[in-house]
Amino acid sequence: MHSFKVIIVEDVPLELKGTEGLLRNEVPEAELIGTAADEAQFIKLMRQEKPDLILLDLGLGGSTMIGVELCRSTKAQHPDVKILIFTGEILNEKLWIDALDAGADGIILKTGEMLTRLEIISVMKGKKWVFNQPVMDVIVDSFKKNVMSSVMSREASIGYDIDEYDERFLRHLALGYTKEQITGLRGMPFGVKSLEKRQNELSQKLFPNGNGKQSINAVRLVTRAFQLHILDPENLVPDEE
């Protein structure tokens, strides 16, 4: 691979030393043209010489948003520059999304085997969404949960004879819509009395043995739909009105 220029943005001396050592020992193609411990130093370096790759720590000065904004502004000015994010925010998955939305080419979580030659070369070859193993573990786990949730929802809908309108009705009840509001949804061809009838039919479907001596109101019905996986609490999105 051809040589390329690198800037490291890292405010923890020990971690900076480790990254420098990795480049020196495992990525001879990388020419380190500068390091920065804060935003001001980084901006100064960028004015002196444009790199091909930036290894950017998000947690500069204790604020993760500084790194995100540096990523966003750098990509806006230099879309061809590759940016590989470092972060120690192991549980803050929303921050990972913020970094990707800011234009990051990948994320390296500061745990386990933090960074290898593979991730650096993958980014430089133009691969999008480069992650180290800890991030991949979270992504795969989330994917598996989403797939299983979708499968259970589909199976429950078939098993309890839930059609499209039943699902929409239950979902909007869960979102706090009144029956009057639900009748106003685009493509919902029912009036309030028809929805009341549908609610009674759903109560019989989801509570075939009744609900003891208690009546089945909308809240109990929606709760039952969650329990049976007919509704997914992670995907409660209203339709267009």
C-alpha atoms as a PDB file:
ATOM      1  CA  MET A   1       0.000   0.000   0.000  1.00  0.00           C
ATOM      2  CA  HIS A   2       1.157   3.567  -0.723  1.00  0.00           C
ATOM      3  CA  SER A   3       2.282   5.751   2.165  1.00  0.00           C
ATOM      4  CA  PHE A   4      -0.229   8.074   3.796  1.00  0.00           C
ATOM      5  CA  LYS A   5      -0.117  10.926   6.289  1.00  0.00           C
ATOM      6  CA  VAL A   6      -1.633  10.622   9.763  1.00  0.00           C
ATOM      7  CA  ILE A   7      -2.555  12.978  12.604  1.00  0.00           C
ATOM      8  CA  ILE A   8      -3.359  11.564  16.049  1.00  0.00           C
ATOM      9  CA  VAL A   9      -5.692  13.568  18.284  1.00  0.00           C
ATOM     10  CA  GLU A  10      -5.408  12.161  21.806  1.00  0.00           C
ATOM     11  CA  ASP A  11      -5.155  13.871  25.209  1.00  0.00           C
ATOM     12  CA  VAL A  12      -4.072  10.844  27.265  1.00  0.00           C
ATOM     13  CA  PRO A  13      -0.238  10.530  27.002  1.00  0.00           C
ATOM     14  CA  LEU A  14      -0.134   6.787  27.614  1.00  0.00           C
ATOM     15  CA  GLU A  15      -2.747   6.055  24.953  1.00  0.00           C
ATOM     16  CA  LEU A  16      -1.018   8.429  22.538  1.00  0.00           C
ATOM     17  CA  LYS A  17       2.233   6.572  23.084  1.00  0.00           C
ATOM     18  CA  GLY A  18       0.524   3.243  22.390  1.00  0.00           C
ATOM     19  CA  THR A  19      -1.001   4.502  19.125  1.00  0.00           C
ATOM     20  CA  GLU A  20       2.309   5.974  18.000  1.00  0.00           C
ATOM     21  CA  GLY A  21       3.986   2.640  18.725  1.00  0.00           C
ATOM     22  CA  LEU A  22       1.385   0.763  16.703  1.00  0.00           C
ATOM     23  CA  LEU A  23       1.941   2.995  13.673  1.00  0.00           C
ATOM     24  CA  ARG A  24       5.696   2.736  13.977  1.00  0.00           C
ATOM     25  CA  ASN A  25       5.818  -1.043  14.402  1.00  0.00           C
ATOM     26  CA  GLU A  26       2.837  -2.349  12.420  1.00  0.00           C
ATOM     27  CA  VAL A  27       1.903   0.299   9.853  1.00  0.00           C
ATOM     28  CA  PRO A  28       5.140   1.434   8.155  1.00  0.00           C
ATOM     29  CA  GLU A  29       3.100   3.057   5.376  1.00  0.00           C
ATOM     30  CA  ALA A  30       1.794   5.606   7.890  1.00  0.00           C
ATOM     31  CA  GLU A  31       3.713   8.861   8.142  1.00  0.00           C
ATOM     32  CA  LEU A  32       2.858  10.576  11.432  1.00  0.00           C
ATOM     33  CA  ILE A  33       2.884  14.307  10.670  1.00  0.00           C
ATOM     34  CA  GLY A  34       1.652  15.505  14.067  1.00  0.00           C
ATOM     35  CA  THR A  35      -0.211  14.890  17.296  1.00  0.00           C
ATOM     36  CA  ALA A  36      -2.705  17.104  19.108  1.00  0.00           C
ATOM     37  CA  ALA A  37      -4.044  17.021  22.642  1.00  0.00           C
ATOM     38  CA  ASP A  38      -6.832  19.553  22.137  1.00  0.00           C
ATOM     39  CA  GLU A  39      -8.922  21.361  19.561  1.00  0.00           C
ATOM     40  CA  ALA A  40      -6.547  24.322  19.162  1.00  0.00           C
ATOM     41  CA  GLN A  41      -3.532  22.118  18.462  1.00  0.00           C
ATOM     42  CA  PHE A  42      -5.539  20.072  15.978  1.00  0.00           C
ATOM     43  CA  ILE A  43      -6.700  23.136  14.049  1.00  0.00           C
ATOM     44  CA  LYS A  44      -3.120  24.420  13.898  1.00  0.00           C
ATOM     45  CA  LEU A  45      -1.896  21.099  12.509  1.00  0.00           C
ATOM     46  CA  MET A  46      -4.648  21.036   9.865  1.00  0.00           C
ATOM     47  CA  ARG A  47      -3.583  24.488   8.665  1.00  0.00           C
ATOM     48  CA  GLN A  48       0.006  23.329   8.275  1.00  0.00           C
ATOM     49  CA  GLU A  49      -0.581  20.104   6.350  1.00  0.00           C
ATOM     50  CA  LYS A  50      -3.636  18.066   5.428  1.00  0.00           C
ATOM     51  CA  PRO A  51      -3.484  14.398   6.491  1.00  0.00           C
ATOM     52  CA  ASP A  52      -4.981  11.404   4.746  1.00  0.00           C
ATOM     53  CA  LEU A  53      -6.117   9.888   8.040  1.00  0.00           C
ATOM     54  CA  ILE A  54      -7.073  11.298  11.440  1.00  0.00           C
ATOM     55  CA  LEU A  55      -7.120   9.051  14.496  1.00  0.00           C
ATOM     56  CA  LEU A  56      -9.479  11.084  16.657  1.00  0.00           C
ATOM     57  CA  ASP A  57     -10.242  10.594  20.340  1.00  0.00           C
ATOM     58  CA  LEU A  58     -13.762  11.768  21.202  1.00  0.00           C
ATOM     59  CA  GLY A  59     -13.109  12.491  24.878  1.00  0.00           C
ATOM     60  CA  LEU A  60     -10.929  15.566  24.544  1.00  0.00           C
ATOM     61  CA  GLY A  61     -10.753  17.560  27.764  1.00  0.00           C
ATOM     62  CA  GLY A  62     -13.454  15.386  29.295  1.00  0.00           C
ATOM     63  CA  SER A  63     -16.056  16.378  26.691  1.00  0.00           C
ATOM     64  CA  THR A  64     -17.065  13.793  24.112  1.00  0.00           C
ATOM     65  CA  MET A  65     -18.902  16.357  22.002  1.00  0.00           C
ATOM     66  CA  ILE A  66     -15.662  18.200  21.155  1.00  0.00           C
ATOM     67  CA  GLY A  67     -14.475  15.169  19.227  1.00  0.00           C
ATOM     68  CA  VAL A  68     -17.827  14.760  17.478  1.00  0.00           C
ATOM     69  CA  GLU A  69     -17.859  18.400  16.373  1.00  0.00           C
ATOM     70  CA  LEU A  70     -14.235  18.212  15.217  1.00  0.00           C
ATOM     71  CA  CYS A  71     -15.178  15.202  13.124  1.00  0.00           C
ATOM     72  CA  ARG A  72     -18.193  16.991  11.656  1.00  0.00           C
ATOM     73  CA  SER A  73     -16.353  20.212  10.788  1.00  0.00           C
ATOM     74  CA  THR A  74     -13.337  18.365   9.374  1.00  0.00           C
ATOM     75  CA  LYS A  75     -15.486  16.200   7.117  1.00  0.00           C
ATOM     76  CA  ALA A  76     -17.375  19.273   5.937  1.00  0.00           C
ATOM     77  CA  GLN A  77     -14.130  20.985   4.898  1.00  0.00           C
ATOM     78  CA  HIS A  78     -12.183  17.897   3.814  1.00  0.00           C
ATOM     79  CA  PRO A  79     -14.588  15.089   2.830  1.00  0.00           C
ATOM     80  CA  ASP A  80     -11.723  13.022   1.427  1.00  0.00           C
ATOM     81  CA  VAL A  81      -9.894  12.811   4.770  1.00  0.00           C
ATOM     82  CA  LYS A  82     -10.508   9.533   6.585  1.00  0.00           C
ATOM     83  CA  ILE A  83     -11.444   9.736  10.281  1.00  0.00           C
ATOM     84  CA  LEU A  84     -11.218   6.800  12.645  1.00  0.00           C
ATOM     85  CA  ILE A  85     -12.785   7.528  16.018  1.00  0.00           C
ATOM     86  CA  PHE A  86     -11.433   6.432  19.407  1.00  0.00           C
ATOM     87  CA  THR A  87     -13.810   6.379  22.357  1.00  0.00           C
ATOM     88  CA  GLY A  88     -13.850   4.965  25.857  1.00  0.00           C
ATOM     89  CA  GLU A  89     -17.637   5.431  26.038  1.00  0.00           C
ATOM     90  CA  ILE A  90     -18.353   1.718  26.182  1.00  0.00           C
ATOM     91  CA  LEU A  91     -22.044   2.032  27.092  1.00  0.00           C
ATOM     92  CA  ASN A  92     -22.910   5.287  25.323  1.00  0.00           C
ATOM     93  CA  GLU A  93     -24.163   3.862  22.045  1.00  0.00           C
ATOM     94  CA  LYS A  94     -25.940   7.124  21.182  1.00  0.00           C
ATOM     95  CA  LEU A  95     -22.503   8.752  21.056  1.00  0.00           C
ATOM     96  CA  TRP A  96     -21.390   6.180  18.507  1.00  0.00           C
ATOM     97  CA  ILE A  97     -24.342   7.147  16.322  1.00  0.00           C
ATOM     98  CA  ASP A  98     -23.475  10.836  16.730  1.00  0.00           C
ATOM     99  CA  ALA A  99     -19.920  10.102  15.551  1.00  0.00           C
ATOM    100  CA  LEU A 100     -21.127   8.169  12.505  1.00  0.00           C
ATOM    101  CA  ASP A 101     -23.634  10.920  11.680  1.00  0.00           C
ATOM    102  CA  ALA A 102     -20.743  13.393  11.899  1.00  0.00           C
ATOM    103  CA  GLY A 103     -19.015  11.498   9.093  1.00  0.00           C
ATOM    104  CA  ALA A 104     -16.667   9.127  10.925  1.00  0.00           C
ATOM    105  CA  ASP A 105     -15.408   6.242   8.803  1.00  0.00           C
ATOM    106  CA  GLY A 106     -15.288   3.922  11.792  1.00  0.00           C
ATOM    107  CA  ILE A 107     -15.208   3.587  15.568  1.00  0.00           C
ATOM    108  CA  ILE A 108     -12.594   1.956  17.763  1.00  0.00           C
ATOM    109  CA  LEU A 109     -13.753   1.223  21.282  1.00  0.00           C
ATOM    110  CA  LYS A 110     -11.070   1.622  23.930  1.00  0.00           C
ATOM    111  CA  THR A 111     -11.334  -1.861  25.373  1.00  0.00           C
ATOM    112  CA  GLY A 112      -9.800  -5.213  24.539  1.00  0.00           C
ATOM    113  CA  GLU A 113      -7.546  -5.064  21.490  1.00  0.00           C
ATOM    114  CA  MET A 114      -8.072  -1.387  20.826  1.00  0.00           C
ATOM    115  CA  LEU A 115      -6.541  -0.804  17.405  1.00  0.00           C
ATOM    116  CA  THR A 116      -4.763  -2.992  14.867  1.00  0.00           C
ATOM    117  CA  ARG A 117      -3.257  -2.606  11.444  1.00  0.00           C
ATOM    118  CA  LEU A 118      -6.385  -4.176   9.967  1.00  0.00           C
ATOM    119  CA  GLU A 119      -8.691  -1.304  10.966  1.00  0.00           C
ATOM    120  CA  ILE A 120      -6.289   1.362   9.712  1.00  0.00           C
ATOM    121  CA  ILE A 121      -5.667  -0.290   6.352  1.00  0.00           C
ATOM    122  CA  SER A 122      -9.391  -1.016   5.917  1.00  0.00           C
ATOM    123  CA  VAL A 123     -10.228   2.662   6.365  1.00  0.00           C
ATOM    124  CA  MET A 124      -7.473   3.753   3.999  1.00  0.00           C
ATOM    125  CA  LYS A 125      -8.771   1.346   1.343  1.00  0.00           C
ATOM    126  CA  GLY A 126     -12.138   3.069   1.500  1.00  0.00           C
ATOM    127  CA  LYS A 127     -14.137   0.643   3.628  1.00  0.00           C
ATOM    128  CA  LYS A 128     -17.056   2.260   5.421  1.00  0.00           C
ATOM    129  CA  TRP A 129     -18.122   1.384   8.942  1.00  0.00           C
ATOM    130  CA  VAL A 130     -14.827   0.052  10.271  1.00  0.00           C
ATOM    131  CA  PHE A 131     -15.210  -1.185  13.844  1.00  0.00           C
ATOM    132  CA  ASN A 132     -13.067  -3.146  16.261  1.00  0.00           C
ATOM    133  CA  GLN A 133     -14.383  -6.315  17.898  1.00  0.00           C
ATOM    134  CA  PRO A 134     -16.049  -4.733  20.975  1.00  0.00           C
ATOM    135  CA  VAL A 135     -18.190  -2.515  18.743  1.00  0.00           C
ATOM    136  CA  MET A 136     -18.991  -5.432  16.439  1.00  0.00           C
ATOM    137  CA  ASP A 137     -20.119  -7.492  19.439  1.00  0.00           C
ATOM    138  CA  VAL A 138     -22.659  -4.795  20.361  1.00  0.00           C
ATOM    139  CA  ILE A 139     -23.844  -4.428  16.757  1.00  0.00           C
ATOM    140  CA  VAL A 140     -24.321  -8.181  16.290  1.00  0.00           C
ATOM    141  CA  ASP A 141     -26.120  -8.521  19.630  1.00  0.00           C
ATOM    142  CA  SER A 142     -28.477  -5.678  18.722  1.00  0.00           C
ATOM    143  CA  PHE A 143     -29.071  -7.197  15.280  1.00  0.00           C
ATOM    144  CA  LYS A 144     -29.947 -10.584  16.785  1.00  0.00           C
ATOM    145  CA  LYS A 145     -32.369  -8.997  19.241  1.00  0.00           C
ATOM    146  CA  ASN A 146     -34.078  -6.984  16.481  1.00  0.00           C
ATOM    147  CA  VAL A 147     -34.432 -10.030  14.248  1.00  0.00           C
ATOM    148  CA  MET A 148     -35.843 -12.196  17.030  1.00  0.00           C
ATOM    149  CA  SER A 149     -38.244  -9.442  18.048  1.00  0.00           C
ATOM    150  CA  SER A 150     -39.454  -9.190  14.451  1.00  0.00           C
ATOM    151  CA  VAL A 151     -39.844 -12.965  14.194  1.00  0.00           C
ATOM    152  CA  MET A 152     -41.804 -13.195  17.455  1.00  0.00           C
ATOM    153  CA  SER A 153     -44.028 -10.297  16.414  1.00  0.00           C
ATOM    154  CA  ARG A 154     -44.746 -11.930  13.061  1.00  0.00           C
ATOM    155  CA  GLU A 155     -45.484 -15.302  14.650  1.00  0.00           C
ATOM    156  CA  ALA A 156     -47.720 -13.712  17.280  1.00  0.00           C
ATOM    157  CA  SER A 157     -49.674 -11.794  14.640  1.00  0.00           C
ATOM    158  CA  ILE A 158     -50.290 -15.003  12.714  1.00  0.00           C
ATOM    159  CA  GLY A 159     -51.125 -17.016  15.833  1.00  0.00           C
ATOM    160  CA  TYR A 160     -53.632 -14.468  17.135  1.00  0.00           C
ATOM    161  CA  ASP A 161     -54.977 -13.509  13.687  1.00  0.00           C
ATOM    162  CA  ILE A 162     -53.805  -9.886  13.915  1.00  0.00           C
ATOM    163  CA  ASP A 163     -54.164  -7.957  10.661  1.00  0.00           C
ATOM    164  CA  GLU A 164     -52.576  -4.680   9.574  1.00  0.00           C
ATOM    165  CA  TYR A 165     -55.366  -2.556  11.025  1.00  0.00           C
ATOM    166  CA  ASP A 166     -55.276  -4.397  14.353  1.00  0.00           C
ATOM    167  CA  GLU A 167     -51.534  -3.695  14.624  1.00  0.00           C
ATOM    168  CA  ARG A 168     -51.956  -0.038  13.712  1.00  0.00           C
ATOM    169  CA  PHE A 169     -54.825   0.346  16.160  1.00  0.00           C
ATOM    170  CA  LEU A 170     -52.897  -1.274  19.030  1.00  0.00           C
ATOM    171  CA  ARG A 171     -49.706   0.638  18.236  1.00  0.00           C
ATOM    172  CA  HIS A 172     -51.421   4.007  18.300  1.00  0.00           C
ATOM    173  CA  LEU A 173     -53.287   3.145  21.483  1.00  0.00           C
ATOM    174  CA  ALA A 174     -49.857   2.396  22.986  1.00  0.00           C
ATOM    175  CA  LEU A 175     -48.669   5.812  21.810  1.00  0.00           C
ATOM    176  CA  GLY A 176     -51.533   7.506  23.655  1.00  0.00           C
ATOM    177  CA  TYR A 177     -53.793   8.256  20.703  1.00  0.00           C
ATOM    178  CA  THR A 178     -57.523   8.443  21.326  1.00  0.00           C
ATOM    179  CA  LYS A 179     -59.897   6.531  19.068  1.00  0.00           C
ATOM    180  CA  GLU A 180     -60.950   9.831  17.520  1.00  0.00           C
ATOM    181  CA  GLN A 181     -57.312  10.579  16.629  1.00  0.00           C
ATOM    182  CA  ILE A 182     -56.791   7.091  15.224  1.00  0.00           C
ATOM    183  CA  THR A 183     -59.751   7.486  12.864  1.00  0.00           C
ATOM    184  CA  GLY A 184     -57.948  10.493  11.397  1.00  0.00           C
ATOM    185  CA  LEU A 185     -54.867   8.511  10.401  1.00  0.00           C
ATOM    186  CA  ARG A 186     -54.196   8.223   6.703  1.00  0.00           C
ATOM    187  CA  GLY A 187     -55.615   5.009   5.299  1.00  0.00           C
ATOM    188  CA  MET A 188     -57.549   4.097   8.456  1.00  0.00           C
ATOM    189  CA  PRO A 189     -61.092   3.436   7.131  1.00  0.00           C
ATOM    190  CA  PHE A 190     -62.871   3.175  10.467  1.00  0.00           C
ATOM    191  CA  GLY A 191     -65.023   5.374  12.619  1.00  0.00           C
ATOM    192  CA  VAL A 192     -64.990   5.441  16.406  1.00  0.00           C
ATOM    193  CA  LYS A 193     -67.743   2.835  16.767  1.00  0.00           C
ATOM    194  CA  SER A 194     -65.924   0.484  14.389  1.00  0.00           C
ATOM    195  CA  LEU A 195     -62.766   0.849  16.460  1.00  0.00           C
ATOM    196  CA  GLU A 196     -64.693   0.108  19.631  1.00  0.00           C
ATOM    197  CA  LYS A 197     -65.972  -3.073  18.005  1.00  0.00           C
ATOM    198  CA  ARG A 198     -62.441  -3.936  16.890  1.00  0.00           C
ATOM    199  CA  GLN A 199     -61.179  -3.372  20.435  1.00  0.00           C
ATOM    200  CA  ASN A 200     -63.753  -5.832  21.772  1.00  0.00           C
ATOM    201  CA  GLU A 201     -62.753  -8.397  19.136  1.00  0.00           C
ATOM    202  CA  LEU A 202     -59.067  -7.933  20.017  1.00  0.00           C
ATOM    203  CA  SER A 203     -59.880  -8.421  23.689  1.00  0.00           C
ATOM    204  CA  GLN A 204     -61.444 -11.786  22.849  1.00  0.00           C
ATOM    205  CA  LYS A 205     -58.459 -12.781  20.699  1.00  0.00           C
ATOM    206  CA  LEU A 206     -55.784 -11.804  23.206  1.00  0.00           C
ATOM    207  CA  PHE A 207     -57.740 -12.966  26.263  1.00  0.00           C
ATOM    208  CA  PRO A 208     -59.436 -16.143  25.022  1.00  0.00           C
ATOM    209  CA  ASN A 209     -60.023 -17.257  28.621  1.00  0.00           C
ATOM    210  CA  GLY A 210     -61.145 -13.824  29.751  1.00  0.00           C
ATOM    211  CA  ASN A 211     -59.372 -11.583  32.225  1.00  0.00           C
ATOM    212  CA  GLY A 212     -60.785 -13.018  35.436  1.00  0.00           C
ATOM    213  CA  LYS A 213     -63.478 -10.757  36.770  1.00  0.00           C
ATOM    214  CA  GLN A 214     -61.754  -7.605  35.546  1.00  0.00           C
ATOM    215  CA  SER A 215     -62.749  -5.683  32.470  1.00  0.00           C
ATOM    216  CA  ILE A 216     -60.272  -5.287  29.617  1.00  0.00           C
ATOM    217  CA  ASN A 217     -59.599  -1.611  28.961  1.00  0.00           C
ATOM    218  CA  ALA A 218     -57.240  -0.137  26.346  1.00  0.00           C
ATOM    219  CA  VAL A 219     -54.258  -0.100  28.732  1.00  0.00           C
ATOM    220  CA  ARG A 220     -54.679  -3.781  29.631  1.00  0.00           C
ATOM    221  CA  LEU A 221     -55.128  -4.672  25.973  1.00  0.00           C
ATOM    222  CA  VAL A 222     -51.955  -2.854  24.907  1.00  0.00           C
ATOM    223  CA  THR A 223     -50.005  -4.393  27.792  1.00  0.00           C
ATOM    224  CA  ARG A 224     -51.124  -7.827  26.624  1.00  0.00           C
ATOM    225  CA  ALA A 225     -50.017  -6.992  23.067  1.00  0.00           C
ATOM    226  CA  PHE A 226     -46.536  -6.207  24.421  1.00  0.00           C
ATOM    227  CA  GLN A 227     -46.454  -9.420  26.451  1.00  0.00           C
ATOM    228  CA  LEU A 228     -47.349 -11.481  23.383  1.00  0.00           C
ATOM    229  CA  HIS A 229     -44.771  -9.600  21.215  1.00  0.00           C
ATOM    230  CA  ILE A 230     -47.472  -8.338  18.890  1.00  0.00           C
ATOM    231  CA  LEU A 231     -46.106  -4.862  19.603  1.00  0.00           C
ATOM    232  CA  ASP A 232     -42.406  -4.064  19.835  1.00  0.00           C
ATOM    233  CA  PRO A 233     -41.644  -1.347  22.440  1.00  0.00           C
ATOM    234  CA  GLU A 234     -38.491  -0.477  20.494  1.00  0.00           C
ATOM    235  CA  ASN A 235     -40.459   0.355  17.353  1.00  0.00           C
ATOM    236  CA  LEU A 236     -43.408   2.446  18.471  1.00  0.00           C
ATOM    237  CA  VAL A 237     -43.590   4.946  15.636  1.00  0.00           C
ATOM    238  CA  PRO A 238     -46.804   6.750  14.661  1.00  0.00           C
ATOM    239  CA  ASP A 239     -48.107   6.628  11.104  1.00  0.00           C
ATOM    240  CA  GLU A 240     -48.514   9.745   9.035  1.00  0.00           C
ATOM    241  CA  GLU A 241     -51.666  11.598   9.910  1.00  0.00           C
END
